[in-house]
Amino acid sequence: MEINESLSLETFPKSYEACFLESCSVKENCLHHLYFKLQPSTNTWGGAIYPSALLPENL
């Protein structure tokens, strides 16, 4: 998913979870991954999608 210039961190709710799972097959169309890509490098903590989300029993 391309980052639309009209989207910013303020577009998302404060409690939105970021997803940084590079091996996820849907990351290019996922708002959680887009939210992660918008994060400044100074952010060091927050809500996240855990790697266990990719386990077969969780899909």
N, C-alpha and C. Protein backbone atom coordinates (compact mmCIF):
# COMPACT_ATOMS: atom_id res chain seq x y z
N MET A 1 0.85 -1.17 0.00
CA MET A 1 0.00 0.00 0.00
C MET A 1 0.89 1.23 0.00
N GLU A 2 0.66 2.09 -0.93
CA GLU A 2 1.39 3.35 -0.98
C GLU A 2 0.88 4.26 0.13
N ILE A 3 1.77 5.02 0.72
CA ILE A 3 1.33 5.97 1.73
C ILE A 3 0.74 7.18 1.03
N ASN A 4 -0.54 7.37 1.21
CA ASN A 4 -1.24 8.50 0.63
C ASN A 4 -0.78 9.76 1.34
N GLU A 5 -0.52 10.82 0.58
CA GLU A 5 -0.02 12.05 1.17
C GLU A 5 -1.01 12.68 2.15
N SER A 6 -2.28 12.34 2.03
CA SER A 6 -3.28 12.92 2.94
C SER A 6 -3.36 12.17 4.27
N LEU A 7 -2.70 11.01 4.36
CA LEU A 7 -2.69 10.26 5.61
C LEU A 7 -1.53 10.71 6.49
N SER A 8 -1.80 10.74 7.78
CA SER A 8 -0.77 11.07 8.75
C SER A 8 -1.08 10.32 10.03
N LEU A 9 -0.21 10.43 11.00
CA LEU A 9 -0.46 9.77 12.28
C LEU A 9 -1.76 10.26 12.91
N GLU A 10 -2.11 11.51 12.65
CA GLU A 10 -3.34 12.07 13.21
C GLU A 10 -4.59 11.47 12.58
N THR A 11 -4.46 10.78 11.46
CA THR A 11 -5.59 10.12 10.79
C THR A 11 -6.09 8.94 11.63
N PHE A 12 -5.22 8.34 12.39
CA PHE A 12 -5.52 7.12 13.14
C PHE A 12 -5.88 7.44 14.59
N PRO A 13 -6.72 6.60 15.22
CA PRO A 13 -7.02 6.78 16.65
C PRO A 13 -5.75 6.64 17.48
N LYS A 14 -5.70 7.27 18.61
CA LYS A 14 -4.52 7.22 19.49
C LYS A 14 -4.17 5.79 19.91
N SER A 15 -5.16 4.93 20.04
CA SER A 15 -4.90 3.57 20.52
C SER A 15 -4.72 2.55 19.38
N TYR A 16 -4.48 3.01 18.15
CA TYR A 16 -4.35 2.11 17.01
C TYR A 16 -3.07 1.28 17.14
N GLU A 17 -3.15 -0.01 16.80
CA GLU A 17 -1.99 -0.89 16.91
C GLU A 17 -1.15 -0.85 15.63
N ALA A 18 0.15 -0.81 15.81
CA ALA A 18 1.07 -0.85 14.67
C ALA A 18 1.46 -2.30 14.41
N CYS A 19 1.67 -2.63 13.14
CA CYS A 19 2.11 -3.97 12.78
C CYS A 19 3.42 -3.85 12.01
N PHE A 20 4.46 -4.44 12.54
CA PHE A 20 5.78 -4.39 11.92
C PHE A 20 6.23 -5.75 11.41
N LEU A 21 5.27 -6.63 11.15
CA LEU A 21 5.58 -7.98 10.70
C LEU A 21 5.89 -7.99 9.20
N GLU A 22 7.15 -7.94 8.87
CA GLU A 22 7.57 -7.89 7.48
C GLU A 22 7.21 -9.14 6.69
N SER A 23 7.03 -10.27 7.36
CA SER A 23 6.72 -11.52 6.66
C SER A 23 5.21 -11.72 6.43
N CYS A 24 4.39 -10.77 6.82
CA CYS A 24 2.95 -10.90 6.66
C CYS A 24 2.56 -10.78 5.19
N SER A 25 1.71 -11.67 4.74
CA SER A 25 1.32 -11.69 3.32
C SER A 25 0.36 -10.55 2.95
N VAL A 26 -0.25 -9.90 3.90
CA VAL A 26 -1.20 -8.83 3.59
C VAL A 26 -0.69 -7.44 3.98
N LYS A 27 0.58 -7.34 4.31
CA LYS A 27 1.11 -6.07 4.81
C LYS A 27 0.94 -4.90 3.83
N GLU A 28 0.98 -5.18 2.55
CA GLU A 28 0.86 -4.10 1.56
C GLU A 28 -0.54 -3.49 1.50
N ASN A 29 -1.53 -4.18 2.05
CA ASN A 29 -2.91 -3.69 2.05
C ASN A 29 -3.46 -3.53 3.46
N CYS A 30 -2.59 -3.40 4.43
CA CYS A 30 -2.98 -3.39 5.84
C CYS A 30 -2.77 -2.01 6.45
N LEU A 31 -3.83 -1.46 7.03
CA LEU A 31 -3.72 -0.15 7.68
C LEU A 31 -2.82 -0.19 8.91
N HIS A 32 -2.75 -1.34 9.59
CA HIS A 32 -1.87 -1.44 10.75
C HIS A 32 -0.40 -1.33 10.32
N HIS A 33 -0.06 -1.92 9.18
CA HIS A 33 1.31 -1.82 8.67
C HIS A 33 1.59 -0.40 8.17
N LEU A 34 0.62 0.19 7.52
CA LEU A 34 0.77 1.58 7.07
C LEU A 34 1.00 2.50 8.27
N TYR A 35 0.25 2.28 9.33
CA TYR A 35 0.42 3.06 10.55
C TYR A 35 1.84 2.92 11.09
N PHE A 36 2.36 1.70 11.07
CA PHE A 36 3.75 1.47 11.48
C PHE A 36 4.72 2.27 10.60
N LYS A 37 4.50 2.26 9.30
CA LYS A 37 5.40 2.96 8.38
C LYS A 37 5.38 4.47 8.59
N LEU A 38 4.28 5.00 9.14
CA LEU A 38 4.18 6.43 9.40
C LEU A 38 4.86 6.85 10.70
N GLN A 39 5.22 5.89 11.54
CA GLN A 39 5.81 6.20 12.85
C GLN A 39 7.18 6.85 12.69
N PRO A 40 7.45 7.91 13.46
CA PRO A 40 8.81 8.47 13.43
C PRO A 40 9.78 7.53 14.15
N SER A 41 11.02 7.61 13.81
CA SER A 41 12.02 6.71 14.41
C SER A 41 12.21 6.99 15.90
N THR A 42 11.70 8.09 16.39
CA THR A 42 11.81 8.41 17.81
C THR A 42 10.79 7.65 18.66
N ASN A 43 9.77 7.06 18.04
CA ASN A 43 8.79 6.26 18.80
C ASN A 43 9.44 4.94 19.17
N THR A 44 9.40 4.61 20.45
CA THR A 44 10.05 3.39 20.92
C THR A 44 9.10 2.42 21.59
N TRP A 45 7.82 2.78 21.75
CA TRP A 45 6.87 1.86 22.36
C TRP A 45 5.46 2.23 21.93
N GLY A 46 4.54 1.28 22.13
CA GLY A 46 3.13 1.51 21.80
C GLY A 46 2.44 0.17 21.54
N GLY A 47 1.15 0.23 21.22
CA GLY A 47 0.40 -0.97 20.91
C GLY A 47 0.90 -1.60 19.62
N ALA A 48 0.91 -2.93 19.58
CA ALA A 48 1.45 -3.62 18.40
C ALA A 48 0.70 -4.92 18.14
N ILE A 49 0.77 -5.39 16.91
CA ILE A 49 0.31 -6.71 16.52
C ILE A 49 1.47 -7.66 16.78
N TYR A 50 1.24 -8.70 17.56
CA TYR A 50 2.31 -9.63 17.92
C TYR A 50 2.59 -10.65 16.81
N PRO A 51 3.84 -11.13 16.73
CA PRO A 51 4.18 -12.13 15.71
C PRO A 51 3.31 -13.39 15.78
N SER A 52 2.76 -13.70 16.93
CA SER A 52 1.90 -14.88 17.04
C SER A 52 0.63 -14.74 16.18
N ALA A 53 0.34 -13.54 15.70
CA ALA A 53 -0.80 -13.35 14.81
C ALA A 53 -0.65 -14.14 13.52
N LEU A 54 0.59 -14.47 13.14
CA LEU A 54 0.85 -15.19 11.90
C LEU A 54 0.87 -16.71 12.07
N LEU A 55 0.71 -17.19 13.29
CA LEU A 55 0.66 -18.64 13.49
C LEU A 55 -0.60 -19.21 12.84
N PRO A 56 -0.52 -20.39 12.24
CA PRO A 56 -1.67 -20.96 11.53
C PRO A 56 -2.95 -21.00 12.36
N GLU A 57 -2.83 -21.30 13.64
CA GLU A 57 -4.03 -21.39 14.46
C GLU A 57 -4.68 -20.02 14.75
N ASN A 58 -3.97 -18.95 14.42
CA ASN A 58 -4.51 -17.60 14.64
C ASN A 58 -4.98 -16.92 13.36
N LEU A 59 -4.80 -17.58 12.24
CA LEU A 59 -5.20 -16.98 10.97
C LEU A 59 -6.66 -17.21 10.67
